[in-house]
C-alpha cells in the first residue's frame, strides 16, 4: 500500500503503468491505494470488436454528440461517483487530470442537450490504451462511448486496449484474457509506438463509418498474430 499518495507524481504513475501495473483505492475518500499487478489481464480486440446489432443500430442513429477530451475532469468525477465502492480516490483523480493536461490521458464523452451523460477515460502508453472506467446516466451511453473509443484506436493504429479485469458487462464486445507476462511483453513491444489519439483532421462521423464498415477478416488483431 502507498500511505502518502501526495508523494506519487504523474511520472511515477506512468512508470507504474509501464510496468504493467495500475492503482486502486478502497473508496473515494481513502487516503491510500494499492499498486495492483494481476496474474491474468483482460483486453478487448480493437479491430475485431463485436458490436451487438441493437447497439450498432443505435450508434448509427447518432443519439449523442461525441466529444473528445472536452471535460476530462467531469468524466473522471462521474466515474468515481458512479458506484459506492469506487476505486478512484481523490489522489488518483488528481494524478490523472495532470496526465490529461500533458496529453497522455484521454476521455471519450457522450453529450445530450448540453449535458454530459456518459463517457470513459484512460491512459495512453505508446500503442496501448489502458481503459480505466466508464459511466452512463443515459441508456447505452457508456457502450456508445466504448465503440467510439475503439473506432478512434483502430483508425490511429493502436495495438492494445487493456481493460484490466474480466467484466461480464464487456463480454458482449469480445473480451478475452491473457497471462500478465504476455500482456507486459506486448506493452513493451508497442511502448515506442506513437499513434495519434486525437486523429487530427478526421471527423467522428468518418471514424465511425470506417470502423463499422471494416473488414473483420482483415482487421488488425494482434492477439491472433502472436
C-alpha atoms as a PDB file:
ATOM      1  CA  UNK A   1       0.000   0.000   0.000  1.00  0.00           C
ATOM      2  CA  UNK A   2       1.084   3.565  -0.689  1.00  0.00           C
ATOM      3  CA  UNK A   3       0.436   5.524   2.507  1.00  0.00           C
ATOM      4  CA  UNK A   4       1.416   9.004   1.263  1.00  0.00           C
ATOM      5  CA  UNK A   5      -0.284   9.404  -2.125  1.00  0.00           C
ATOM      6  CA  UNK A   6       0.877  13.028  -2.384  1.00  0.00           C
ATOM      7  CA  UNK A   7       4.418  11.693  -2.857  1.00  0.00           C
ATOM      8  CA  UNK A   8       3.378   9.888  -6.025  1.00  0.00           C
ATOM      9  CA  UNK A   9       3.971  12.064  -9.080  1.00  0.00           C
ATOM     10  CA  UNK A  10       2.402  11.763 -12.544  1.00  0.00           C
ATOM     11  CA  UNK A  11       5.748  10.393 -13.763  1.00  0.00           C
ATOM     12  CA  UNK A  12       5.628   7.746 -11.029  1.00  0.00           C
ATOM     13  CA  UNK A  13       2.146   6.776 -12.153  1.00  0.00           C
ATOM     14  CA  UNK A  14       3.305   6.445 -15.750  1.00  0.00           C
ATOM     15  CA  UNK A  15       6.139   4.182 -14.622  1.00  0.00           C
ATOM     16  CA  UNK A  16       3.689   2.013 -12.663  1.00  0.00           C
ATOM     17  CA  UNK A  17       1.576   1.557 -15.791  1.00  0.00           C
ATOM     18  CA  UNK A  18       4.653   0.993 -17.962  1.00  0.00           C
ATOM     19  CA  UNK A  19       5.490  -1.964 -15.697  1.00  0.00           C
ATOM     20  CA  UNK A  20       2.062  -3.455 -16.378  1.00  0.00           C
ATOM     21  CA  UNK A  21       0.521  -2.420 -13.050  1.00  0.00           C
ATOM     22  CA  UNK A  22      -2.203   0.044 -12.065  1.00  0.00           C
ATOM     23  CA  UNK A  23      -3.554   1.795  -8.971  1.00  0.00           C
ATOM     24  CA  UNK A  24      -6.733   1.143  -6.982  1.00  0.00           C
ATOM     25  CA  UNK A  25      -8.119   2.606  -3.749  1.00  0.00           C
ATOM     26  CA  UNK A  26     -10.712   1.145  -1.389  1.00  0.00           C
ATOM     27  CA  UNK A  27     -13.066   4.125  -1.662  1.00  0.00           C
ATOM     28  CA  UNK A  28     -13.262   7.664  -2.999  1.00  0.00           C
ATOM     29  CA  UNK A  29     -12.155   9.086   0.377  1.00  0.00           C
ATOM     30  CA  UNK A  30      -9.432   6.515   1.001  1.00  0.00           C
ATOM     31  CA  UNK A  31      -6.077   8.221   1.608  1.00  0.00           C
ATOM     32  CA  UNK A  32      -4.087   5.192   0.469  1.00  0.00           C
ATOM     33  CA  UNK A  33      -4.220   2.978  -2.575  1.00  0.00           C
ATOM     34  CA  UNK A  34      -2.744  -0.257  -3.848  1.00  0.00           C
ATOM     35  CA  UNK A  35      -0.478  -0.866  -6.793  1.00  0.00           C
ATOM     36  CA  UNK A  36      -2.061  -3.871  -8.491  1.00  0.00           C
ATOM     37  CA  UNK A  37      -0.393  -6.465 -10.740  1.00  0.00           C
ATOM     38  CA  UNK A  38      -2.971  -9.097 -11.751  1.00  0.00           C
ATOM     39  CA  UNK A  39      -1.965 -12.578 -12.841  1.00  0.00           C
ATOM     40  CA  UNK A  40      -4.451 -12.508 -15.708  1.00  0.00           C
ATOM     41  CA  UNK A  41      -5.167  -9.485 -17.876  1.00  0.00           C
ATOM     42  CA  UNK A  42      -8.413  -8.680 -19.680  1.00  0.00           C
ATOM     43  CA  UNK A  43      -8.298  -6.971 -23.066  1.00  0.00           C
ATOM     44  CA  UNK A  44     -10.680  -6.087 -25.870  1.00  0.00           C
ATOM     45  CA  UNK A  45      -9.884  -6.729 -29.552  1.00  0.00           C
ATOM     46  CA  UNK A  46      -9.778  -3.299 -31.177  1.00  0.00           C
ATOM     47  CA  UNK A  47     -10.125  -4.314 -34.811  1.00  0.00           C
ATOM     48  CA  UNK A  48     -12.416  -7.253 -34.173  1.00  0.00           C
ATOM     49  CA  UNK A  49     -14.602  -5.684 -31.529  1.00  0.00           C
ATOM     50  CA  UNK A  50     -18.028  -7.330 -31.552  1.00  0.00           C
ATOM     51  CA  UNK A  51     -20.852  -4.789 -31.661  1.00  0.00           C
ATOM     52  CA  UNK A  52     -24.319  -6.172 -30.817  1.00  0.00           C
ATOM     53  CA  UNK A  53     -26.827  -5.447 -33.606  1.00  0.00           C
ATOM     54  CA  UNK A  54     -29.125  -3.353 -31.409  1.00  0.00           C
ATOM     55  CA  UNK A  55     -26.220  -1.201 -30.252  1.00  0.00           C
ATOM     56  CA  UNK A  56     -24.946  -0.818 -33.806  1.00  0.00           C
ATOM     57  CA  UNK A  57     -28.339   0.465 -34.917  1.00  0.00           C
ATOM     58  CA  UNK A  58     -28.383   2.928 -32.055  1.00  0.00           C
ATOM     59  CA  UNK A  59     -24.902   4.210 -32.897  1.00  0.00           C
ATOM     60  CA  UNK A  60     -25.971   4.759 -36.490  1.00  0.00           C
ATOM     61  CA  UNK A  61     -28.857   6.903 -35.220  1.00  0.00           C
ATOM     62  CA  UNK A  62     -26.308   9.200 -33.512  1.00  0.00           C
ATOM     63  CA  UNK A  63     -28.253   9.712 -30.261  1.00  0.00           C
ATOM     64  CA  UNK A  64     -25.367  11.580 -28.607  1.00  0.00           C
ATOM     65  CA  UNK A  65     -22.866  14.243 -29.508  1.00  0.00           C
ATOM     66  CA  UNK A  66     -19.430  12.691 -29.137  1.00  0.00           C
ATOM     67  CA  UNK A  67     -16.697  14.898 -27.747  1.00  0.00           C
ATOM     68  CA  UNK A  68     -13.052  14.044 -27.102  1.00  0.00           C
ATOM     69  CA  UNK A  69     -11.167  15.462 -24.099  1.00  0.00           C
ATOM     70  CA  UNK A  70     -13.778  18.191 -23.658  1.00  0.00           C
ATOM     71  CA  UNK A  71     -14.479  17.623 -19.946  1.00  0.00           C
ATOM     72  CA  UNK A  72     -11.942  15.102 -18.654  1.00  0.00           C
ATOM     73  CA  UNK A  73     -12.448  16.227 -15.054  1.00  0.00           C
ATOM     74  CA  UNK A  74     -16.177  15.749 -15.400  1.00  0.00           C
ATOM     75  CA  UNK A  75     -15.769  12.242 -16.790  1.00  0.00           C
ATOM     76  CA  UNK A  76     -13.406  11.010 -14.086  1.00  0.00           C
ATOM     77  CA  UNK A  77     -15.576  12.607 -11.389  1.00  0.00           C
ATOM     78  CA  UNK A  78     -18.687  10.878 -12.760  1.00  0.00           C
ATOM     79  CA  UNK A  79     -16.798   7.568 -12.923  1.00  0.00           C
ATOM     80  CA  UNK A  80     -15.644   7.951  -9.312  1.00  0.00           C
ATOM     81  CA  UNK A  81     -19.147   8.734  -8.078  1.00  0.00           C
ATOM     82  CA  UNK A  82     -20.984   6.179 -10.191  1.00  0.00           C
ATOM     83  CA  UNK A  83     -20.709   3.434  -7.567  1.00  0.00           C
ATOM     84  CA  UNK A  84     -20.318   3.425  -3.773  1.00  0.00           C
ATOM     85  CA  UNK A  85     -17.320   1.069  -3.835  1.00  0.00           C
ATOM     86  CA  UNK A  86     -15.296   3.103  -6.329  1.00  0.00           C
ATOM     87  CA  UNK A  87     -11.545   2.568  -6.517  1.00  0.00           C
ATOM     88  CA  UNK A  88     -10.927   6.091  -7.894  1.00  0.00           C
ATOM     89  CA  UNK A  89      -9.979   8.232  -4.895  1.00  0.00           C
ATOM     90  CA  UNK A  90      -9.229  11.945  -4.964  1.00  0.00           C
ATOM     91  CA  UNK A  91      -5.478  11.452  -5.370  1.00  0.00           C
ATOM     92  CA  UNK A  92      -5.909   9.149  -8.356  1.00  0.00           C
ATOM     93  CA  UNK A  93      -8.231  11.718  -9.906  1.00  0.00           C
ATOM     94  CA  UNK A  94      -5.658  14.483  -9.385  1.00  0.00           C
ATOM     95  CA  UNK A  95      -2.861  12.434 -10.957  1.00  0.00           C
ATOM     96  CA  UNK A  96      -4.939  11.531 -13.993  1.00  0.00           C
ATOM     97  CA  UNK A  97      -6.062  15.108 -14.505  1.00  0.00           C
ATOM     98  CA  UNK A  98      -2.401  16.140 -14.542  1.00  0.00           C
ATOM     99  CA  UNK A  99      -1.642  13.432 -17.097  1.00  0.00           C
ATOM    100  CA  UNK A 100      -4.586  14.621 -19.155  1.00  0.00           C
ATOM    101  CA  UNK A 101      -3.120  18.127 -19.132  1.00  0.00           C
ATOM    102  CA  UNK A 102       0.078  16.587 -20.511  1.00  0.00           C
ATOM    103  CA  UNK A 103      -1.907  14.983 -23.339  1.00  0.00           C
ATOM    104  CA  UNK A 104      -1.390  11.437 -22.072  1.00  0.00           C
ATOM    105  CA  UNK A 105      -4.791  10.651 -20.506  1.00  0.00           C
ATOM    106  CA  UNK A 106      -7.911  10.979 -22.641  1.00  0.00           C
ATOM    107  CA  UNK A 107     -11.686  10.914 -22.415  1.00  0.00           C
ATOM    108  CA  UNK A 108     -14.442   9.960 -24.842  1.00  0.00           C
ATOM    109  CA  UNK A 109     -17.691  11.688 -23.923  1.00  0.00           C
ATOM    110  CA  UNK A 110     -21.385  11.416 -24.802  1.00  0.00           C
ATOM    111  CA  UNK A 111     -23.346  14.665 -24.591  1.00  0.00           C
ATOM    112  CA  UNK A 112     -27.093  15.228 -24.921  1.00  0.00           C
ATOM    113  CA  UNK A 113     -28.820  18.592 -24.816  1.00  0.00           C
ATOM    114  CA  UNK A 114     -25.689  20.196 -23.428  1.00  0.00           C
ATOM    115  CA  UNK A 115     -25.278  17.636 -20.638  1.00  0.00           C
ATOM    116  CA  UNK A 116     -22.529  15.071 -20.121  1.00  0.00           C
ATOM    117  CA  UNK A 117     -24.481  11.784 -19.989  1.00  0.00           C
ATOM    118  CA  UNK A 118     -21.804   9.147 -20.412  1.00  0.00           C
ATOM    119  CA  UNK A 119     -18.189   8.515 -21.182  1.00  0.00           C
ATOM    120  CA  UNK A 120     -14.937   6.846 -20.340  1.00  0.00           C
ATOM    121  CA  UNK A 121     -11.313   7.727 -19.712  1.00  0.00           C
ATOM    122  CA  UNK A 122      -7.957   6.041 -19.929  1.00  0.00           C
ATOM    123  CA  UNK A 123      -4.216   6.361 -20.326  1.00  0.00           C
ATOM    124  CA  UNK A 124      -2.132   6.116 -23.493  1.00  0.00           C
ATOM    125  CA  UNK A 125       1.166   4.231 -23.287  1.00  0.00           C
ATOM    126  CA  UNK A 126       2.606   4.103 -26.785  1.00  0.00           C
ATOM    127  CA  UNK A 127       0.373   1.763 -28.771  1.00  0.00           C
ATOM    128  CA  UNK A 128      -1.539   0.612 -25.698  1.00  0.00           C
ATOM    129  CA  UNK A 129      -4.649   2.310 -24.355  1.00  0.00           C
ATOM    130  CA  UNK A 130      -5.314   1.495 -20.712  1.00  0.00           C
ATOM    131  CA  UNK A 131      -9.057   1.808 -20.226  1.00  0.00           C
ATOM    132  CA  UNK A 132      -9.778   2.906 -16.670  1.00  0.00           C
ATOM    133  CA  UNK A 133     -13.503   3.406 -16.099  1.00  0.00           C
ATOM    134  CA  UNK A 134     -16.747   4.486 -17.715  1.00  0.00           C
ATOM    135  CA  UNK A 135     -20.133   5.787 -16.617  1.00  0.00           C
ATOM    136  CA  UNK A 136     -23.587   6.371 -18.003  1.00  0.00           C
ATOM    137  CA  UNK A 137     -26.639   8.366 -16.939  1.00  0.00           C
ATOM    138  CA  UNK A 138     -28.443   7.665 -20.233  1.00  0.00           C
ATOM    139  CA  UNK A 139     -29.159   4.187 -21.575  1.00  0.00           C
ATOM    140  CA  UNK A 140     -26.226   2.809 -23.606  1.00  0.00           C
ATOM    141  CA  UNK A 141     -24.144   5.996 -23.332  1.00  0.00           C
ATOM    142  CA  UNK A 142     -21.094   4.204 -21.924  1.00  0.00           C
ATOM    143  CA  UNK A 143     -21.390   1.470 -24.572  1.00  0.00           C
ATOM    144  CA  UNK A 144     -21.608   4.042 -27.339  1.00  0.00           C
ATOM    145  CA  UNK A 145     -18.527   5.775 -25.905  1.00  0.00           C
ATOM    146  CA  UNK A 146     -16.658   2.451 -25.884  1.00  0.00           C
ATOM    147  CA  UNK A 147     -17.377   1.784 -29.556  1.00  0.00           C
ATOM    148  CA  UNK A 148     -16.326   5.329 -30.442  1.00  0.00           C
ATOM    149  CA  UNK A 149     -13.117   4.750 -28.468  1.00  0.00           C
ATOM    150  CA  UNK A 150     -12.372   1.601 -30.465  1.00  0.00           C
ATOM    151  CA  UNK A 151     -13.126   3.369 -33.750  1.00  0.00           C
ATOM    152  CA  UNK A 152     -10.560   6.001 -32.805  1.00  0.00           C
ATOM    153  CA  UNK A 153      -7.974   3.466 -31.646  1.00  0.00           C
ATOM    154  CA  UNK A 154      -8.483   1.422 -34.805  1.00  0.00           C
ATOM    155  CA  UNK A 155      -8.005   4.400 -37.121  1.00  0.00           C
ATOM    156  CA  UNK A 156      -4.977   5.695 -35.201  1.00  0.00           C
ATOM    157  CA  UNK A 157      -3.245   2.312 -35.212  1.00  0.00           C
ATOM    158  CA  UNK A 158      -3.296   1.348 -31.546  1.00  0.00           C
ATOM    159  CA  UNK A 159      -2.427  -2.273 -30.801  1.00  0.00           C
ATOM    160  CA  UNK A 160      -3.877  -2.990 -27.362  1.00  0.00           C
ATOM    161  CA  UNK A 161      -6.991  -1.993 -25.408  1.00  0.00           C
ATOM    162  CA  UNK A 162      -6.410  -3.034 -21.807  1.00  0.00           C
ATOM    163  CA  UNK A 163      -9.465  -3.258 -19.534  1.00  0.00           C
ATOM    164  CA  UNK A 164      -7.595  -4.714 -16.544  1.00  0.00           C
ATOM    165  CA  UNK A 165     -10.017  -7.321 -15.143  1.00  0.00           C
ATOM    166  CA  UNK A 166     -12.658  -9.628 -16.573  1.00  0.00           C
ATOM    167  CA  UNK A 167     -16.007  -7.869 -16.620  1.00  0.00           C
ATOM    168  CA  UNK A 168     -19.228  -9.618 -17.618  1.00  0.00           C
ATOM    169  CA  UNK A 169     -20.528  -6.306 -18.957  1.00  0.00           C
ATOM    170  CA  UNK A 170     -17.744  -6.326 -21.569  1.00  0.00           C
ATOM    171  CA  UNK A 171     -18.108  -9.958 -22.649  1.00  0.00           C
ATOM    172  CA  UNK A 172     -20.568  -8.913 -25.356  1.00  0.00           C
ATOM    173  CA  UNK A 173     -17.762  -6.965 -27.053  1.00  0.00           C
ATOM    174  CA  UNK A 174     -15.410  -9.946 -27.308  1.00  0.00           C
ATOM    175  CA  UNK A 175     -13.380  -9.556 -24.118  1.00  0.00           C
ATOM    176  CA  UNK A 176     -10.682 -12.163 -23.633  1.00  0.00           C
ATOM    177  CA  UNK A 177      -7.869 -12.808 -21.163  1.00  0.00           C
ATOM    178  CA  UNK A 178      -4.151 -13.484 -21.356  1.00  0.00           C
ATOM    179  CA  UNK A 179      -1.369 -14.060 -18.829  1.00  0.00           C
ATOM    180  CA  UNK A 180       0.099 -10.933 -17.280  1.00  0.00           C
ATOM    181  CA  UNK A 181       3.541 -11.814 -18.644  1.00  0.00           C
ATOM    182  CA  UNK A 182       2.166 -11.843 -22.193  1.00  0.00           C
ATOM    183  CA  UNK A 183       0.431  -8.522 -21.650  1.00  0.00           C
ATOM    184  CA  UNK A 184       3.657  -6.953 -20.358  1.00  0.00           C
ATOM    185  CA  UNK A 185       5.598  -8.280 -23.350  1.00  0.00           C
ATOM    186  CA  UNK A 186       3.107  -6.726 -25.779  1.00  0.00           C
ATOM    187  CA  UNK A 187       3.051  -3.489 -23.779  1.00  0.00           C
ATOM    188  CA  UNK A 188       6.840  -3.291 -24.052  1.00  0.00           C
ATOM    189  CA  UNK A 189       6.803  -4.154 -27.753  1.00  0.00           C
ATOM    190  CA  UNK A 190       4.489  -1.252 -28.573  1.00  0.00           C
ATOM    191  CA  UNK A 191       5.748   1.231 -25.977  1.00  0.00           C
ATOM    192  CA  UNK A 192       7.611   3.355 -28.529  1.00  0.00           C
ATOM    193  CA  UNK A 193       4.664   3.500 -30.946  1.00  0.00           C
ATOM    194  CA  UNK A 194       3.234   6.986 -31.443  1.00  0.00           C
ATOM    195  CA  UNK A 195      -0.381   6.719 -32.616  1.00  0.00           C
ATOM    196  CA  UNK A 196      -2.315   9.982 -32.575  1.00  0.00           C
ATOM    197  CA  UNK A 197      -5.313   9.540 -30.277  1.00  0.00           C
ATOM    198  CA  UNK A 198      -6.765  12.871 -31.392  1.00  0.00           C
ATOM    199  CA  UNK A 199      -6.923  11.769 -35.061  1.00  0.00           C
ATOM    200  CA  UNK A 200      -6.423  15.372 -36.127  1.00  0.00           C
ATOM    201  CA  UNK A 201      -8.493  16.440 -39.114  1.00  0.00           C
ATOM    202  CA  UNK A 202     -10.765  13.383 -39.105  1.00  0.00           C
ATOM    203  CA  UNK A 203     -14.395  13.764 -38.086  1.00  0.00           C
ATOM    204  CA  UNK A 204     -16.056  11.488 -35.555  1.00  0.00           C
ATOM    205  CA  UNK A 205     -18.615  10.502 -38.183  1.00  0.00           C
ATOM    206  CA  UNK A 206     -15.899   9.363 -40.597  1.00  0.00           C
ATOM    207  CA  UNK A 207     -14.076   7.430 -37.864  1.00  0.00           C
ATOM    208  CA  UNK A 208     -17.245   5.551 -37.001  1.00  0.00           C
ATOM    209  CA  UNK A 209     -18.233   4.921 -40.620  1.00  0.00           C
ATOM    210  CA  UNK A 210     -14.857   3.384 -41.360  1.00  0.00           C
ATOM    211  CA  UNK A 211     -14.993   1.320 -38.187  1.00  0.00           C
ATOM    212  CA  UNK A 212     -18.479  -0.059 -38.798  1.00  0.00           C
ATOM    213  CA  UNK A 213     -17.535  -0.865 -42.402  1.00  0.00           C
ATOM    214  CA  UNK A 214     -14.217  -2.529 -41.541  1.00  0.00           C
ATOM    215  CA  UNK A 215     -13.457  -5.982 -42.924  1.00  0.00           C
ATOM    216  CA  UNK A 216     -13.389  -8.192 -39.838  1.00  0.00           C
ATOM    217  CA  UNK A 217     -11.358 -10.842 -41.657  1.00  0.00           C
ATOM    218  CA  UNK A 218      -8.602  -8.350 -42.394  1.00  0.00           C
ATOM    219  CA  UNK A 219      -8.888  -6.119 -39.317  1.00  0.00           C
ATOM    220  CA  UNK A 220      -5.776  -5.744 -37.203  1.00  0.00           C
ATOM    221  CA  UNK A 221      -5.876  -8.128 -34.236  1.00  0.00           C
ATOM    222  CA  UNK A 222      -2.518  -8.606 -32.514  1.00  0.00           C
ATOM    223  CA  UNK A 223      -3.701 -11.475 -30.319  1.00  0.00           C
ATOM    224  CA  UNK A 224      -4.265 -13.667 -33.398  1.00  0.00           C
ATOM    225  CA  UNK A 225      -0.821 -12.852 -34.710  1.00  0.00           C
ATOM    226  CA  UNK A 226       1.161 -13.834 -31.634  1.00  0.00           C
END
